[in-house]
Amino acid sequence: MRLDCMGIVTRLDEIRRAKGAAQRVKMSDTEDRVVRAHRYRRRAQELRSISEEVMLKETSLTLLSLAESYDQMASVMEKMSCDKN
């Protein structure tokens, strides 16, 4: 049992080290927001594609609603990146 706990601690240490490394290589806020906006737009498109393949109308509408939310988040990120410049 104790070895299992030590394994978890080791993984947590690895996660902390990875987070620290990511923070040291951190991109600017503007670049980060542009990257996020792109990711949100891509996810919205994926959800729209999936919604076309779903048989249940209710599920399709839910996916389309989620896609719209992702597009709205992308718009906010894009606006924030423009405001910073």
C-alpha atoms as a PDB file:
ATOM      1  CA  MET A   1       0.000   0.000   0.000  1.00  0.00           C
ATOM      2  CA  ARG A   2       2.749   2.440   0.908  1.00  0.00           C
ATOM      3  CA  LEU A   3       4.465   1.917  -2.451  1.00  0.00           C
ATOM      4  CA  ASP A   4       1.266   2.892  -4.259  1.00  0.00           C
ATOM      5  CA  CYS A   5       1.175   6.179  -2.358  1.00  0.00           C
ATOM      6  CA  MET A   6       4.802   6.850  -3.197  1.00  0.00           C
ATOM      7  CA  GLY A   7       3.983   6.291  -6.857  1.00  0.00           C
ATOM      8  CA  ILE A   8       1.300   8.947  -6.674  1.00  0.00           C
ATOM      9  CA  VAL A   9       3.683  11.378  -5.015  1.00  0.00           C
ATOM     10  CA  THR A  10       6.220  10.760  -7.772  1.00  0.00           C
ATOM     11  CA  ARG A  11       3.599  11.492 -10.418  1.00  0.00           C
ATOM     12  CA  LEU A  12       2.554  14.667  -8.630  1.00  0.00           C
ATOM     13  CA  ASP A  13       6.181  15.785  -8.565  1.00  0.00           C
ATOM     14  CA  GLU A  14       6.439  15.125 -12.304  1.00  0.00           C
ATOM     15  CA  ILE A  15       3.294  17.175 -12.909  1.00  0.00           C
ATOM     16  CA  ARG A  16       4.641  20.050 -10.821  1.00  0.00           C
ATOM     17  CA  ARG A  17       7.935  19.981 -12.721  1.00  0.00           C
ATOM     18  CA  ALA A  18       6.098  19.971 -16.048  1.00  0.00           C
ATOM     19  CA  LYS A  19       3.926  22.916 -14.971  1.00  0.00           C
ATOM     20  CA  GLY A  20       7.009  24.822 -13.851  1.00  0.00           C
ATOM     21  CA  ALA A  21       8.711  24.200 -17.194  1.00  0.00           C
ATOM     22  CA  ALA A  22       5.596  25.304 -19.068  1.00  0.00           C
ATOM     23  CA  GLN A  23       5.452  28.532 -17.081  1.00  0.00           C
ATOM     24  CA  ARG A  24       9.102  29.304 -17.857  1.00  0.00           C
ATOM     25  CA  VAL A  25       8.417  28.920 -21.589  1.00  0.00           C
ATOM     26  CA  LYS A  26       5.115  30.774 -21.355  1.00  0.00           C
ATOM     27  CA  MET A  27       4.028  32.671 -24.433  1.00  0.00           C
ATOM     28  CA  SER A  28       2.671  36.182 -24.259  1.00  0.00           C
ATOM     29  CA  ASP A  29      -0.949  36.706 -23.220  1.00  0.00           C
ATOM     30  CA  THR A  30      -1.865  37.807 -26.742  1.00  0.00           C
ATOM     31  CA  GLU A  31      -0.320  34.713 -28.336  1.00  0.00           C
ATOM     32  CA  ASP A  32      -1.974  32.504 -25.733  1.00  0.00           C
ATOM     33  CA  ARG A  33      -5.385  34.015 -26.452  1.00  0.00           C
ATOM     34  CA  VAL A  34      -4.955  33.592 -30.205  1.00  0.00           C
ATOM     35  CA  VAL A  35      -3.972  29.952 -29.717  1.00  0.00           C
ATOM     36  CA  ARG A  36      -6.968  29.388 -27.434  1.00  0.00           C
ATOM     37  CA  ALA A  37      -9.333  31.053 -29.917  1.00  0.00           C
ATOM     38  CA  HIS A  38      -8.040  28.779 -32.672  1.00  0.00           C
ATOM     39  CA  ARG A  39      -8.491  25.724 -30.429  1.00  0.00           C
ATOM     40  CA  TYR A  40     -12.057  26.778 -29.571  1.00  0.00           C
ATOM     41  CA  ARG A  41     -12.944  27.319 -33.265  1.00  0.00           C
ATOM     42  CA  ARG A  42     -11.505  23.909 -34.133  1.00  0.00           C
ATOM     43  CA  ARG A  43     -13.482  22.250 -31.339  1.00  0.00           C
ATOM     44  CA  ALA A  44     -16.676  24.014 -32.478  1.00  0.00           C
ATOM     45  CA  GLN A  45     -16.161  22.643 -35.984  1.00  0.00           C
ATOM     46  CA  GLU A  46     -15.572  19.143 -34.605  1.00  0.00           C
ATOM     47  CA  LEU A  47     -18.830  19.348 -32.645  1.00  0.00           C
ATOM     48  CA  ARG A  48     -20.725  20.481 -35.756  1.00  0.00           C
ATOM     49  CA  SER A  49     -19.315  17.548 -37.709  1.00  0.00           C
ATOM     50  CA  ILE A  50     -20.280  15.117 -34.977  1.00  0.00           C
ATOM     51  CA  SER A  51     -23.781  16.604 -34.772  1.00  0.00           C
ATOM     52  CA  GLU A  52     -24.332  15.780 -38.446  1.00  0.00           C
ATOM     53  CA  GLU A  53     -23.699  12.102 -37.740  1.00  0.00           C
ATOM     54  CA  VAL A  54     -25.839  11.805 -34.611  1.00  0.00           C
ATOM     55  CA  MET A  55     -29.206  10.126 -35.005  1.00  0.00           C
ATOM     56  CA  LEU A  56     -31.051  11.767 -32.104  1.00  0.00           C
ATOM     57  CA  LYS A  57     -32.213  15.299 -32.845  1.00  0.00           C
ATOM     58  CA  GLU A  58     -31.919  16.358 -29.189  1.00  0.00           C
ATOM     59  CA  THR A  59     -28.279  15.253 -29.057  1.00  0.00           C
ATOM     60  CA  SER A  60     -27.562  17.040 -32.308  1.00  0.00           C
ATOM     61  CA  LEU A  61     -29.074  20.262 -30.976  1.00  0.00           C
ATOM     62  CA  THR A  62     -27.040  19.965 -27.779  1.00  0.00           C
ATOM     63  CA  LEU A  63     -23.836  19.549 -29.787  1.00  0.00           C
ATOM     64  CA  LEU A  64     -24.722  22.553 -31.953  1.00  0.00           C
ATOM     65  CA  SER A  65     -25.374  24.601 -28.832  1.00  0.00           C
ATOM     66  CA  LEU A  66     -21.974  23.601 -27.459  1.00  0.00           C
ATOM     67  CA  ALA A  67     -20.372  24.534 -30.778  1.00  0.00           C
ATOM     68  CA  GLU A  68     -21.983  27.974 -30.555  1.00  0.00           C
ATOM     69  CA  SER A  69     -20.601  28.368 -27.042  1.00  0.00           C
ATOM     70  CA  TYR A  70     -17.110  27.501 -28.259  1.00  0.00           C
ATOM     71  CA  ASP A  71     -17.460  30.079 -31.050  1.00  0.00           C
ATOM     72  CA  GLN A  72     -18.497  32.699 -28.506  1.00  0.00           C
ATOM     73  CA  MET A  73     -15.491  31.870 -26.315  1.00  0.00           C
ATOM     74  CA  ALA A  74     -13.245  32.139 -29.376  1.00  0.00           C
ATOM     75  CA  SER A  75     -14.703  35.551 -30.186  1.00  0.00           C
ATOM     76  CA  VAL A  76     -14.011  36.740 -26.649  1.00  0.00           C
ATOM     77  CA  MET A  77     -10.409  35.483 -26.839  1.00  0.00           C
ATOM     78  CA  GLU A  78      -9.910  37.176 -30.212  1.00  0.00           C
ATOM     79  CA  LYS A  79     -11.349  40.448 -28.911  1.00  0.00           C
ATOM     80  CA  MET A  80      -9.129  40.283 -25.820  1.00  0.00           C
ATOM     81  CA  SER A  81      -6.039  39.654 -27.954  1.00  0.00           C
ATOM     82  CA  CYS A  82      -6.873  42.691 -30.138  1.00  0.00           C
ATOM     83  CA  ASP A  83      -7.516  44.879 -27.091  1.00  0.00           C
ATOM     84  CA  LYS A  84      -4.058  44.051 -25.691  1.00  0.00           C
ATOM     85  CA  ASN A  85      -2.270  45.334 -28.815  1.00  0.00           C
END
